[in-house]
Amino acid sequence: MPHSGASSATRMSDGRGVVLVGLSGSGKSTVGARLAERLQRPLIDLDARVRETTGLTAAGHIERHGEDAFRVVEAELVQQACATPGAVIATGGGAVIDPLNRWRLWDHGVAVWLDAPDDRLAARIAGSAEARPLLAGDPTARLGSQRIERAAFYRAADLHLDAGQPLEALVEGVIRPLSTARPTRGRRLFDADTPRQHPYGPERARIVLGRDLDARGLEDALGPLAWSGRPSLIADRTAAAHQPELVRSLPHHRRLDMAGGEPSKRLSRLEEIVEWLSAERAERGDALVAFGGGTLGDLAGFAAAVYLRGVPLVQVPTTWLAQADASLGGKVGVDLRGAKNAVGATWPPWVVIADVAALRTLREAQLRDGFAESIKAALIGDPALWDLAEAAGRLALADEPIRYAMLERAVRVKLGIVSRDPYETGERRLLNLGHTLGHALEVESGYRLAHGSAVALGMRAVAAIAAARGGDATLPERLDMLLQAAGFALRRAFDRSAVKAALATDKKRVNGRQRWILPMAIGRVLEVDDVSEAELDRALQTIVAEVA
């Protein structure tokens, strides 16, 4: 054994393991075996564990039982592998898809992405006798598709190494930083480079989800915006008090603290912000950083859209609701007295940095807001997210890994829809599930009703309409059980005429006809504009609590 390797192994005494990730053919098993030998650590090859546990290769299991069943087995093996301190874990290429897998693997130790061009990986695979059903047909093309699908997961790894190097060079490329880097709890867990799709500003936006991000992690996520210009920071006063280290770590030349909450989303507060920016001589190249919940992000984002006709926007959301939904997609704006989000713009952020550690300080009622948005995403397009929420129940509000997994899955649903329909000409309207009636309930309450509670009621109402129109008849009851487990009230006293009046001002109406999104089954929704007055009345009856 080379002296340098033994010395490095000796110095690496903090108990961290190593996790190797990457596409098929990147050499995870080979590198893992040599790395384990050099570090004198146990090796856990997940594909080998599949064979030992099931009697089938990973490919054979997928061919016989399907990919979904294989991922269940894989998740169990990931959990077992991470229980071995210091182990070198060679993962299957798709193990990182599941957010809970990634949370456990990244917690286990240093994550290393072994990478090489798709054609080189395909050439390696062609020389292997192992069947790979997920790459059937054109392996190079299939690898390219997998790279796009998994890039946000691989990019979140601690190290990114060229897998085309000689074996010993690769192993040294892992050991060297391990022996010198200081262990940290801060982790990037998801790092997406996504189309921004706006004629002004950059073509791409960066979306980073992480945990306990420090100043270095924030600077890395911000990229050039961390040092160019003189950033302006607008912070929710309460969020800043709960997360002082996080807010101090954000680069800023000037700072304005404001109250969050729906009452602050008014034109008068917008004027306050832009007058402050002008008085501070903020320039067009100075990024505006919005730190807080969804209402603060909407307000500050609108200011970024209109001040000097647009300045760079960085969203640092601090609530589950804002991280899963409001900070993404670029809709920014304020409320009018009788219409929510009635004045605004489309101004996508340059960067979104969501640190799930910020959610630890939230009250349960605030966590429920984000839970409702995640359930909405599940109904629209992610049955696996629904299954996770249904299995977790109320634990989703308290268990950080589960909460993160629900959050990330909701983010992935929204980013996918927004990338396909940035200006809400078709598919993006599906994101209004539960919001049409939910917004009307918020208006009727004078914005005292929490957004998540309003959306939960809205989803219950449209689920009833959908079931009566031939949708899944079991869905309303399953939705009720899920919402009740999270602590939502299933009924509320409200003025029906006031709710209907608010619906009449909804911005989604076209030619006087209200658009509705109906959940016909988990993962399948339908847009209609022919909900009758009688159907609406019956739907309202399912959620109203009559005053005695």
Protein backbone atom coordinates (compact mmCIF):
# COMPACT_ATOMS: atom_id res chain seq x y z
CA MET A 1 0.00 0.00 0.00
CA PRO A 2 1.49 3.39 -0.96
CA HIS A 3 2.72 5.42 1.97
CA SER A 4 0.66 8.47 1.00
CA GLY A 5 -2.54 6.43 1.05
CA ALA A 6 -1.84 4.95 4.46
CA SER A 7 -1.05 8.39 5.84
CA SER A 8 -4.28 9.82 4.42
CA ALA A 9 -6.30 6.95 5.85
CA THR A 10 -4.74 7.54 9.25
CA ARG A 11 -5.56 11.23 9.18
CA MET A 12 -9.18 10.52 8.17
CA SER A 13 -10.33 9.52 11.64
CA ASP A 14 -13.60 11.40 12.01
CA GLY A 15 -15.78 8.39 11.14
CA ARG A 16 -17.20 9.75 7.91
CA GLY A 17 -18.07 7.23 5.26
CA VAL A 18 -17.85 7.66 1.50
CA VAL A 19 -20.75 7.42 -0.92
CA LEU A 20 -20.07 6.93 -4.64
CA VAL A 21 -22.81 8.02 -7.04
CA GLY A 22 -23.04 8.33 -10.80
CA LEU A 23 -24.54 6.86 -13.94
CA SER A 24 -24.12 3.24 -15.00
CA GLY A 25 -20.59 2.51 -16.19
CA SER A 26 -18.94 5.23 -14.11
CA GLY A 27 -16.92 2.67 -12.12
CA LYS A 28 -18.52 2.98 -8.70
CA SER A 29 -17.96 -0.68 -7.78
CA THR A 30 -14.33 -0.72 -8.95
CA VAL A 31 -13.44 2.58 -7.33
CA GLY A 32 -15.34 1.62 -4.18
CA ALA A 33 -13.39 -1.63 -3.76
CA ARG A 34 -10.01 0.10 -4.12
CA LEU A 35 -11.05 3.00 -1.92
CA ALA A 36 -12.25 0.69 0.84
CA GLU A 37 -8.92 -1.13 0.68
CA ARG A 38 -6.94 2.10 0.90
CA LEU A 39 -9.03 3.53 3.75
CA GLN A 40 -9.31 0.19 5.52
CA ARG A 41 -13.09 0.56 5.62
CA PRO A 42 -15.89 -1.94 4.87
CA LEU A 43 -17.25 -1.87 1.32
CA ILE A 44 -21.00 -2.06 0.70
CA ASP A 45 -21.85 -2.49 -2.98
CA LEU A 46 -25.62 -2.01 -3.20
CA ASP A 47 -25.98 -3.98 -6.44
CA ALA A 48 -24.17 -6.91 -4.79
CA ARG A 49 -26.47 -6.58 -1.77
CA VAL A 50 -29.49 -6.82 -4.08
CA ARG A 51 -28.18 -10.16 -5.39
CA GLU A 52 -27.46 -11.41 -1.87
CA THR A 53 -30.88 -10.35 -0.57
CA THR A 54 -33.21 -11.25 -3.44
CA GLY A 55 -31.29 -13.83 -5.46
CA LEU A 56 -31.63 -11.54 -8.48
CA THR A 57 -29.36 -8.95 -10.03
CA ALA A 58 -30.65 -5.40 -10.00
CA ALA A 59 -31.42 -5.78 -13.72
CA GLY A 60 -33.16 -9.10 -13.14
CA HIS A 61 -35.28 -7.65 -10.34
CA ILE A 62 -36.36 -4.75 -12.55
CA GLU A 63 -37.22 -7.10 -15.43
CA ARG A 64 -39.23 -9.46 -13.21
CA HIS A 65 -40.92 -7.08 -10.78
CA GLY A 66 -40.64 -3.60 -12.34
CA GLU A 67 -38.61 -0.55 -11.38
CA ASP A 68 -40.99 0.63 -8.62
CA ALA A 69 -40.67 -2.65 -6.73
CA PHE A 70 -36.90 -2.57 -7.16
CA ARG A 71 -36.70 0.94 -5.68
CA VAL A 72 -38.48 -0.30 -2.53
CA VAL A 73 -35.84 -3.02 -2.06
CA GLU A 74 -33.08 -0.53 -2.83
CA ALA A 75 -34.37 1.94 -0.22
CA GLU A 76 -34.29 -0.76 2.47
CA LEU A 77 -30.72 -1.66 1.53
CA VAL A 78 -29.65 1.99 1.57
CA GLN A 79 -30.97 2.34 5.11
CA GLN A 80 -29.11 -0.79 6.19
CA ALA A 81 -25.88 0.30 4.49
CA CYS A 82 -25.92 3.71 6.15
CA ALA A 83 -26.08 1.99 9.54
CA THR A 84 -22.47 0.80 9.06
CA PRO A 85 -20.25 3.67 10.29
CA GLY A 86 -17.45 4.70 7.97
CA ALA A 87 -18.40 2.29 5.18
CA VAL A 88 -17.63 2.98 1.54
CA ILE A 89 -20.97 2.65 -0.26
CA ALA A 90 -21.13 2.08 -4.02
CA THR A 91 -24.67 2.94 -5.07
CA GLY A 92 -26.76 1.95 -8.03
CA GLY A 93 -27.14 4.76 -10.57
CA GLY A 94 -30.74 5.52 -9.58
CA ALA A 95 -30.42 5.23 -5.81
CA VAL A 96 -30.22 9.01 -5.49
CA ILE A 97 -33.64 9.58 -7.08
CA ASP A 98 -35.45 9.01 -3.77
CA PRO A 99 -34.96 12.08 -1.52
CA LEU A 100 -34.99 9.91 1.61
CA ASN A 101 -32.21 7.74 0.17
CA ARG A 102 -30.15 10.82 -0.59
CA TRP A 103 -30.75 12.29 2.87
CA ARG A 104 -29.41 9.09 4.47
CA LEU A 105 -26.51 8.66 2.07
CA TRP A 106 -25.38 12.28 2.38
CA ASP A 107 -25.64 11.95 6.18
CA HIS A 108 -23.46 8.86 6.03
CA GLY A 109 -20.44 10.66 4.67
CA VAL A 110 -18.81 12.44 1.77
CA ALA A 111 -20.76 12.08 -1.48
CA VAL A 112 -18.62 11.67 -4.62
CA TRP A 113 -20.03 11.95 -8.14
CA LEU A 114 -18.06 9.87 -10.64
CA ASP A 115 -18.79 11.35 -14.05
CA ALA A 116 -17.83 10.75 -17.66
CA PRO A 117 -19.32 11.59 -21.09
CA ASP A 118 -22.30 9.48 -22.07
CA ASP A 119 -20.59 7.89 -25.07
CA ARG A 120 -17.67 6.76 -22.90
CA LEU A 121 -20.05 5.27 -20.33
CA ALA A 122 -22.00 3.53 -23.11
CA ALA A 123 -18.75 2.03 -24.47
CA ARG A 124 -17.89 0.64 -21.03
CA ILE A 125 -21.38 -0.84 -20.66
CA ALA A 126 -21.16 -2.45 -24.11
CA GLY A 127 -18.15 -4.42 -22.90
CA SER A 128 -20.03 -5.77 -19.89
CA ALA A 129 -22.05 -8.96 -19.89
CA GLU A 130 -24.55 -7.55 -17.37
CA ALA A 131 -28.01 -6.75 -18.73
CA ARG A 132 -29.24 -3.21 -18.11
CA PRO A 133 -32.98 -2.95 -18.91
CA LEU A 134 -33.14 0.77 -18.11
CA LEU A 135 -30.62 1.36 -20.93
CA ALA A 136 -32.26 -0.90 -23.52
CA GLY A 137 -32.26 0.32 -27.10
CA ASP A 138 -29.81 3.18 -27.50
CA PRO A 139 -27.64 3.22 -24.33
CA THR A 140 -26.05 6.58 -25.15
CA ALA A 141 -29.42 8.25 -25.60
CA ARG A 142 -30.85 6.59 -22.48
CA LEU A 143 -27.82 7.68 -20.45
CA GLY A 144 -28.34 11.22 -21.73
CA SER A 145 -31.95 11.15 -20.56
CA GLN A 146 -30.93 9.77 -17.16
CA ARG A 147 -28.28 12.47 -16.84
CA ILE A 148 -30.91 15.17 -17.33
CA GLU A 149 -33.31 13.49 -14.87
CA ARG A 150 -30.67 12.94 -12.18
CA ALA A 151 -28.38 15.95 -12.65
CA ALA A 152 -29.89 17.91 -9.74
CA PHE A 153 -29.11 14.99 -7.42
CA TYR A 154 -25.58 14.27 -8.65
CA ARG A 155 -24.63 17.97 -8.61
CA ALA A 156 -25.43 18.09 -4.90
CA ALA A 157 -22.51 15.72 -4.18
CA ASP A 158 -19.49 17.06 -2.28
CA LEU A 159 -16.97 16.04 -4.96
CA HIS A 160 -17.29 15.83 -8.74
CA LEU A 161 -14.57 13.70 -10.36
CA ASP A 162 -13.78 12.72 -13.93
CA ALA A 163 -14.37 8.97 -14.03
CA GLY A 164 -12.15 8.69 -17.10
CA GLN A 165 -9.01 9.01 -14.97
CA PRO A 166 -6.88 5.99 -14.05
CA LEU A 167 -8.14 4.11 -11.01
CA GLU A 168 -5.39 5.24 -8.63
CA ALA A 169 -5.82 8.86 -9.66
CA LEU A 170 -9.53 8.62 -8.94
CA VAL A 171 -8.96 7.09 -5.55
CA GLU A 172 -6.45 9.79 -4.67
CA GLY A 173 -8.97 12.37 -5.86
CA VAL A 174 -11.31 11.13 -3.14
CA ILE A 175 -8.79 10.55 -0.36
CA ARG A 176 -6.93 13.85 -0.65
CA PRO A 177 -9.86 16.16 0.19
CA LEU A 178 -11.15 13.69 2.78
CA SER A 179 -7.92 13.96 4.73
CA THR A 180 -7.96 17.78 4.83
CA ALA A 181 -11.59 18.94 4.68
CA ARG A 182 -13.30 19.86 7.92
CA PRO A 183 -16.49 17.84 8.57
CA THR A 184 -19.64 19.94 8.43
CA ARG A 185 -23.32 19.30 9.03
CA GLY A 186 -24.24 21.62 6.18
CA ARG A 187 -25.30 19.76 3.05
CA ARG A 188 -26.59 20.51 -0.41
CA LEU A 189 -29.25 17.92 -1.20
CA PHE A 190 -30.65 19.14 -4.53
CA ASP A 191 -28.98 21.45 -7.04
CA ALA A 192 -30.99 22.10 -10.19
CA ASP A 193 -29.97 24.18 -13.19
CA THR A 194 -33.35 24.99 -14.73
CA PRO A 195 -34.60 27.16 -17.63
CA ARG A 196 -35.53 30.62 -16.39
CA GLN A 197 -37.58 31.34 -19.52
CA HIS A 198 -37.82 35.11 -19.44
CA PRO A 199 -36.66 37.52 -22.18
CA TYR A 200 -34.73 39.63 -19.65
CA GLY A 201 -31.96 38.30 -17.47
CA PRO A 202 -30.09 34.97 -17.60
CA GLU A 203 -31.41 31.97 -19.48
CA ARG A 204 -30.89 29.59 -16.55
CA ALA A 205 -31.76 29.72 -12.84
CA ARG A 206 -30.22 27.73 -10.00
CA ILE A 207 -32.44 26.03 -7.41
CA VAL A 208 -30.60 24.71 -4.34
CA LEU A 209 -32.18 22.78 -1.48
CA GLY A 210 -29.97 22.09 1.49
CA ARG A 211 -29.70 21.67 5.24
CA ASP A 212 -27.75 23.86 7.68
CA LEU A 213 -26.03 25.74 4.87
CA ASP A 214 -23.12 27.87 6.07
CA ALA A 215 -21.69 31.05 4.55
CA ARG A 216 -19.50 29.05 2.18
CA GLY A 217 -22.42 26.95 1.02
CA LEU A 218 -24.56 30.02 0.44
CA GLU A 219 -21.78 31.76 -1.49
CA ASP A 220 -21.32 28.68 -3.66
CA ALA A 221 -25.05 28.53 -4.39
CA LEU A 222 -25.21 32.22 -5.27
CA GLY A 223 -22.28 31.99 -7.67
CA PRO A 224 -21.38 35.33 -9.31
CA LEU A 225 -24.25 37.12 -7.53
CA ALA A 226 -22.38 36.62 -4.23
CA TRP A 227 -19.74 39.16 -5.18
CA SER A 228 -21.05 41.22 -8.12
CA GLY A 229 -22.78 44.53 -7.41
CA ARG A 230 -24.02 45.54 -3.96
CA PRO A 231 -26.90 43.21 -3.04
CA SER A 232 -29.97 44.53 -1.23
CA LEU A 233 -31.55 42.31 1.43
CA ILE A 234 -35.22 42.47 2.37
CA ALA A 235 -35.89 40.25 5.37
CA ASP A 236 -38.99 39.09 7.17
CA ARG A 237 -38.43 40.46 10.67
CA THR A 238 -39.65 37.31 12.43
CA ALA A 239 -37.74 34.92 10.17
CA ALA A 240 -34.56 36.94 10.62
CA ALA A 241 -34.94 36.79 14.41
CA HIS A 242 -35.30 32.99 14.27
CA GLN A 243 -32.47 32.47 11.79
CA PRO A 244 -29.87 35.16 12.65
CA GLU A 245 -26.84 33.20 11.43
CA LEU A 246 -28.45 32.32 8.12
CA VAL A 247 -29.53 35.89 7.38
CA ARG A 248 -26.13 37.30 8.42
CA SER A 249 -24.41 34.87 6.05
CA LEU A 250 -26.28 36.25 3.06
CA PRO A 251 -24.25 38.84 1.13
CA HIS A 252 -25.81 42.28 1.37
CA HIS A 253 -24.75 45.91 1.23
CA ARG A 254 -28.07 47.25 2.54
CA ARG A 255 -30.88 45.64 4.55
CA LEU A 256 -34.54 46.39 5.17
CA ASP A 257 -36.50 44.37 7.75
CA MET A 258 -40.28 44.16 7.28
CA ALA A 259 -43.27 42.36 8.73
CA GLY A 260 -44.35 39.30 6.78
CA GLY A 261 -47.84 37.89 6.41
CA GLU A 262 -50.64 38.50 3.94
CA PRO A 263 -51.54 41.97 5.29
CA SER A 264 -48.11 43.18 4.11
CA LYS A 265 -48.74 42.21 0.48
CA ARG A 266 -50.16 45.58 -0.50
CA LEU A 267 -49.21 48.33 -2.94
CA SER A 268 -48.31 50.65 -0.07
CA ARG A 269 -45.56 48.27 1.08
CA LEU A 270 -44.31 47.92 -2.49
CA GLU A 271 -43.92 51.69 -2.65
CA GLU A 272 -42.00 51.59 0.64
CA ILE A 273 -39.50 49.10 -0.79
CA VAL A 274 -38.83 50.85 -4.09
CA GLU A 275 -38.49 54.23 -2.37
CA TRP A 276 -35.96 52.64 0.00
CA LEU A 277 -34.01 51.13 -2.91
CA SER A 278 -33.95 54.50 -4.64
CA ALA A 279 -32.83 56.34 -1.52
CA GLU A 280 -30.04 53.79 -1.07
CA ARG A 281 -28.95 54.33 -4.70
CA ALA A 282 -29.40 50.65 -5.56
CA GLU A 283 -28.36 50.03 -9.15
CA ARG A 284 -29.71 47.74 -11.84
CA GLY A 285 -26.92 45.20 -11.30
CA ASP A 286 -27.49 44.98 -7.55
CA ALA A 287 -29.32 41.78 -6.69
CA LEU A 288 -32.35 41.93 -4.42
CA VAL A 289 -32.36 39.08 -1.89
CA ALA A 290 -35.77 38.16 -0.41
CA PHE A 291 -35.48 36.35 2.94
CA GLY A 292 -38.72 35.10 4.46
CA GLY A 293 -42.00 33.36 3.73
CA GLY A 294 -44.09 33.37 0.59
CA THR A 295 -45.77 36.72 1.20
CA LEU A 296 -42.44 38.50 1.71
CA GLY A 297 -41.05 36.72 -1.36
CA ASP A 298 -44.04 37.80 -3.47
CA LEU A 299 -43.75 41.41 -2.31
CA ALA A 300 -39.97 41.71 -2.62
CA GLY A 301 -40.02 39.82 -5.90
CA PHE A 302 -42.52 42.32 -7.31
CA ALA A 303 -40.23 45.13 -6.19
CA ALA A 304 -37.33 43.44 -8.00
CA ALA A 305 -39.48 43.19 -11.14
CA VAL A 306 -40.43 46.87 -11.27
CA TYR A 307 -37.48 48.73 -9.70
CA LEU A 308 -35.35 50.11 -12.56
CA ARG A 309 -37.46 47.81 -14.79
CA GLY A 310 -35.95 44.73 -13.23
CA VAL A 311 -33.03 43.82 -10.95
CA PRO A 312 -31.61 40.31 -10.22
CA LEU A 313 -33.83 38.43 -7.77
CA VAL A 314 -32.60 35.88 -5.23
CA GLN A 315 -35.25 34.03 -3.22
CA VAL A 316 -34.25 32.60 0.18
CA PRO A 317 -37.58 31.12 1.37
CA THR A 318 -37.89 30.21 5.05
CA THR A 319 -41.24 28.38 5.16
CA TRP A 320 -42.28 25.01 3.74
CA LEU A 321 -44.94 26.75 1.65
CA ALA A 322 -42.46 29.21 0.16
CA GLN A 323 -39.79 26.57 -0.43
CA ALA A 324 -42.18 24.12 -2.12
CA ASP A 325 -44.14 26.59 -4.19
CA ALA A 326 -44.14 30.39 -3.78
CA SER A 327 -40.42 31.01 -4.42
CA LEU A 328 -40.48 29.05 -7.68
CA GLY A 329 -41.91 29.91 -11.06
CA GLY A 330 -41.58 33.68 -10.98
CA LYS A 331 -45.10 34.82 -10.09
CA VAL A 332 -44.72 37.89 -7.88
CA GLY A 333 -47.29 40.43 -6.76
CA VAL A 334 -49.58 41.92 -4.14
CA ASP A 335 -53.21 41.66 -3.11
CA LEU A 336 -56.12 44.03 -3.56
CA ARG A 337 -58.79 44.27 -0.90
CA GLY A 338 -61.14 41.99 -2.80
CA ALA A 339 -58.77 39.92 -4.94
CA LYS A 340 -55.66 37.95 -4.00
CA ASN A 341 -52.52 38.38 -6.14
CA ALA A 342 -54.44 40.67 -8.47
CA VAL A 343 -51.50 43.01 -9.21
CA GLY A 344 -48.15 41.55 -10.15
CA ALA A 345 -45.65 40.39 -12.72
CA THR A 346 -43.76 37.36 -13.93
CA TRP A 347 -40.15 37.79 -12.78
CA PRO A 348 -38.36 34.46 -12.23
CA PRO A 349 -35.52 34.45 -9.70
CA TRP A 350 -31.90 34.10 -10.72
CA VAL A 351 -31.27 31.84 -7.70
CA VAL A 352 -33.42 30.08 -5.08
CA ILE A 353 -31.73 28.84 -1.90
CA ALA A 354 -33.98 26.85 0.42
CA ASP A 355 -32.43 25.72 3.71
CA VAL A 356 -34.75 23.21 5.37
CA ALA A 357 -33.13 23.98 8.73
CA ALA A 358 -35.25 27.15 8.72
CA LEU A 359 -38.38 25.02 9.05
CA ARG A 360 -37.35 23.85 12.53
CA THR A 361 -38.46 27.15 14.04
CA LEU A 362 -41.93 27.16 12.47
CA ARG A 363 -45.15 26.60 14.37
CA GLU A 364 -47.16 23.52 13.43
CA ALA A 365 -49.80 25.71 11.78
CA GLN A 366 -47.13 27.13 9.45
CA LEU A 367 -45.86 23.66 8.63
CA ARG A 368 -49.39 22.66 7.65
CA ASP A 369 -49.36 25.39 4.99
CA GLY A 370 -46.48 23.63 3.26
CA PHE A 371 -48.00 20.20 3.82
CA ALA A 372 -51.12 21.33 1.91
CA GLU A 373 -49.03 22.55 -1.03
CA SER A 374 -47.17 19.24 -1.13
CA ILE A 375 -50.45 17.31 -1.16
CA LYS A 376 -51.58 19.50 -4.04
CA ALA A 377 -48.42 18.53 -5.96
CA ALA A 378 -49.04 14.86 -5.21
CA LEU A 379 -52.58 15.01 -6.57
CA ILE A 380 -51.39 16.77 -9.70
CA GLY A 381 -48.52 14.51 -10.65
CA ASP A 382 -46.70 12.43 -8.02
CA PRO A 383 -48.47 9.36 -6.59
CA ALA A 384 -45.24 8.43 -4.75
CA LEU A 385 -45.45 11.72 -2.86
CA TRP A 386 -49.05 10.90 -1.91
CA ASP A 387 -47.98 7.45 -0.70
CA LEU A 388 -45.22 9.00 1.40
CA ALA A 389 -47.61 11.51 3.01
CA GLU A 390 -50.28 8.88 3.59
CA ALA A 391 -47.78 6.53 5.26
CA ALA A 392 -46.25 9.30 7.38
CA GLY A 393 -49.45 11.06 8.47
CA ARG A 394 -48.83 13.64 11.17
CA LEU A 395 -45.21 12.49 11.46
CA ALA A 396 -44.55 14.45 8.27
CA LEU A 397 -44.84 17.65 10.30
CA ALA A 398 -42.27 16.55 12.88
CA ASP A 399 -39.81 14.25 11.08
CA GLU A 400 -37.24 16.33 9.20
CA PRO A 401 -36.17 13.73 6.59
CA ILE A 402 -39.79 12.97 5.67
CA ARG A 403 -40.61 16.68 5.60
CA TYR A 404 -37.65 17.25 3.30
CA ALA A 405 -38.64 14.40 1.00
CA MET A 406 -42.18 15.80 0.65
CA LEU A 407 -40.80 19.27 0.04
CA GLU A 408 -38.35 18.17 -2.64
CA ARG A 409 -40.91 16.05 -4.46
CA ALA A 410 -43.29 19.01 -4.55
CA VAL A 411 -40.48 21.20 -5.90
CA ARG A 412 -39.78 18.68 -8.64
CA VAL A 413 -43.46 18.63 -9.69
CA LYS A 414 -43.61 22.42 -9.89
CA LEU A 415 -40.28 22.86 -11.69
CA GLY A 416 -41.30 20.29 -14.28
CA ILE A 417 -44.63 21.97 -14.98
CA VAL A 418 -43.21 25.50 -15.03
CA SER A 419 -40.41 24.49 -17.41
CA ARG A 420 -43.00 23.12 -19.84
CA ASP A 421 -45.46 26.01 -19.48
CA PRO A 422 -43.74 29.12 -18.07
CA TYR A 423 -46.54 31.57 -18.90
CA GLU A 424 -49.56 29.52 -17.77
CA THR A 425 -51.03 28.92 -21.20
CA GLY A 426 -51.98 25.34 -20.45
CA GLU A 427 -50.46 22.77 -18.07
CA ARG A 428 -49.34 25.32 -15.48
CA ARG A 429 -52.97 26.11 -14.72
CA LEU A 430 -53.12 22.69 -13.03
CA LEU A 431 -51.12 24.21 -10.16
CA ASN A 432 -54.29 26.11 -9.24
CA LEU A 433 -55.78 22.92 -7.79
CA GLY A 434 -57.52 23.92 -4.56
CA HIS A 435 -56.49 27.55 -5.00
CA THR A 436 -59.48 28.87 -6.92
CA LEU A 437 -61.83 28.39 -4.01
CA GLY A 438 -58.99 28.66 -1.49
CA HIS A 439 -58.18 32.22 -2.54
CA ALA A 440 -61.86 33.16 -2.34
CA LEU A 441 -62.01 31.81 1.22
CA GLU A 442 -58.93 33.86 2.12
CA VAL A 443 -60.53 37.02 0.74
CA GLU A 444 -63.79 36.32 2.58
CA SER A 445 -61.83 35.95 5.83
CA GLY A 446 -60.07 39.28 5.36
CA TYR A 447 -56.87 37.26 4.84
CA ARG A 448 -57.07 35.90 8.39
CA LEU A 449 -57.47 32.31 7.16
CA ALA A 450 -54.08 30.63 6.66
CA HIS A 451 -53.26 29.84 3.04
CA GLY A 452 -52.72 26.13 3.67
CA SER A 453 -56.04 25.80 5.50
CA ALA A 454 -57.78 27.59 2.64
CA VAL A 455 -56.15 25.33 0.03
CA ALA A 456 -57.06 22.23 2.07
CA LEU A 457 -60.71 23.29 2.05
CA GLY A 458 -60.48 24.11 -1.63
CA MET A 459 -59.08 20.66 -2.42
CA ARG A 460 -61.86 19.00 -0.41
CA ALA A 461 -64.48 20.92 -2.38
CA VAL A 462 -63.12 20.11 -5.85
CA ALA A 463 -62.52 16.47 -4.84
CA ALA A 464 -66.25 16.24 -4.12
CA ILE A 465 -67.08 17.74 -7.53
CA ALA A 466 -64.64 15.36 -9.25
CA ALA A 467 -66.05 12.27 -7.52
CA ALA A 468 -69.58 13.24 -8.56
CA ARG A 469 -68.36 13.54 -12.16
CA GLY A 470 -66.95 10.01 -12.25
CA GLY A 471 -63.58 10.52 -10.59
CA ASP A 472 -62.07 8.18 -8.00
CA ALA A 473 -64.88 7.73 -5.48
CA THR A 474 -62.43 6.86 -2.70
CA LEU A 475 -60.36 10.02 -3.09
CA PRO A 476 -62.51 12.42 -0.99
CA GLU A 477 -62.35 10.09 2.03
CA ARG A 478 -58.62 9.44 1.63
CA LEU A 479 -57.99 13.17 1.31
CA ASP A 480 -60.04 13.84 4.44
CA MET A 481 -58.08 11.25 6.41
CA LEU A 482 -54.78 12.71 5.24
CA LEU A 483 -55.78 16.28 6.08
CA GLN A 484 -57.22 15.28 9.46
CA ALA A 485 -54.01 13.42 10.33
CA ALA A 486 -52.08 16.65 9.70
CA GLY A 487 -54.45 18.61 11.93
CA PHE A 488 -56.53 20.51 9.36
CA ALA A 489 -60.11 21.52 10.07
CA LEU A 490 -62.35 19.99 7.42
CA ARG A 491 -65.04 22.66 7.74
CA ARG A 492 -65.19 26.37 8.39
CA ALA A 493 -67.93 28.94 8.94
CA PHE A 494 -68.03 31.48 6.10
CA ASP A 495 -70.38 33.74 4.18
CA ARG A 496 -71.24 31.87 0.99
CA SER A 497 -72.29 34.99 -0.87
CA ALA A 498 -68.98 36.68 -0.01
CA VAL A 499 -67.04 33.64 -1.23
CA LYS A 500 -68.96 33.65 -4.52
CA ALA A 501 -68.33 37.38 -4.90
CA ALA A 502 -64.60 36.77 -4.43
CA LEU A 503 -64.71 34.01 -7.05
CA ALA A 504 -66.11 36.57 -9.49
CA THR A 505 -62.90 38.62 -9.19
CA ASP A 506 -60.58 35.62 -9.67
CA LYS A 507 -57.86 36.37 -12.22
CA LYS A 508 -58.23 32.96 -13.85
CA ARG A 509 -61.71 33.68 -15.22
CA VAL A 510 -61.96 33.77 -19.02
CA ASN A 511 -64.97 35.34 -20.75
CA GLY A 512 -66.81 35.27 -17.47
CA ARG A 513 -66.28 31.53 -17.01
CA GLN A 514 -64.42 30.20 -13.99
CA ARG A 515 -61.72 27.59 -14.56
CA TRP A 516 -61.57 24.72 -12.08
CA ILE A 517 -58.99 21.98 -11.60
CA LEU A 518 -60.60 18.70 -10.57
CA PRO A 519 -58.61 15.79 -9.04
CA MET A 520 -60.01 12.77 -10.87
CA ALA A 521 -57.48 10.38 -9.27
CA ILE A 522 -54.15 10.62 -7.49
CA GLY A 523 -51.76 11.91 -10.13
CA ARG A 524 -54.50 12.82 -12.63
CA VAL A 525 -56.33 16.14 -12.73
CA LEU A 526 -58.69 17.75 -15.22
CA GLU A 527 -59.33 21.38 -16.11
CA VAL A 528 -62.97 22.36 -16.69
CA ASP A 529 -64.92 25.59 -17.01
CA ASP A 530 -68.46 24.21 -16.73
CA VAL A 531 -68.95 23.73 -12.98
CA SER A 532 -72.61 24.60 -12.44
CA GLU A 533 -74.05 26.74 -9.67
CA ALA A 534 -75.66 23.63 -8.20
CA GLU A 535 -72.31 21.78 -8.21
CA LEU A 536 -70.62 24.73 -6.53
CA ASP A 537 -73.33 24.92 -3.88
CA ARG A 538 -72.95 21.20 -3.10
CA ALA A 539 -69.16 21.62 -2.92
CA LEU A 540 -69.49 24.54 -0.52
CA GLN A 541 -71.83 22.45 1.59
CA THR A 542 -69.07 19.86 2.10
CA ILE A 543 -66.74 22.43 3.69
CA VAL A 544 -68.98 24.93 5.46
CA ALA A 545 -69.59 24.77 9.20
CA GLU A 546 -72.94 26.36 9.82
CA VAL A 547 -73.03 28.90 12.63
CA ALA A 548 -75.36 27.74 15.42
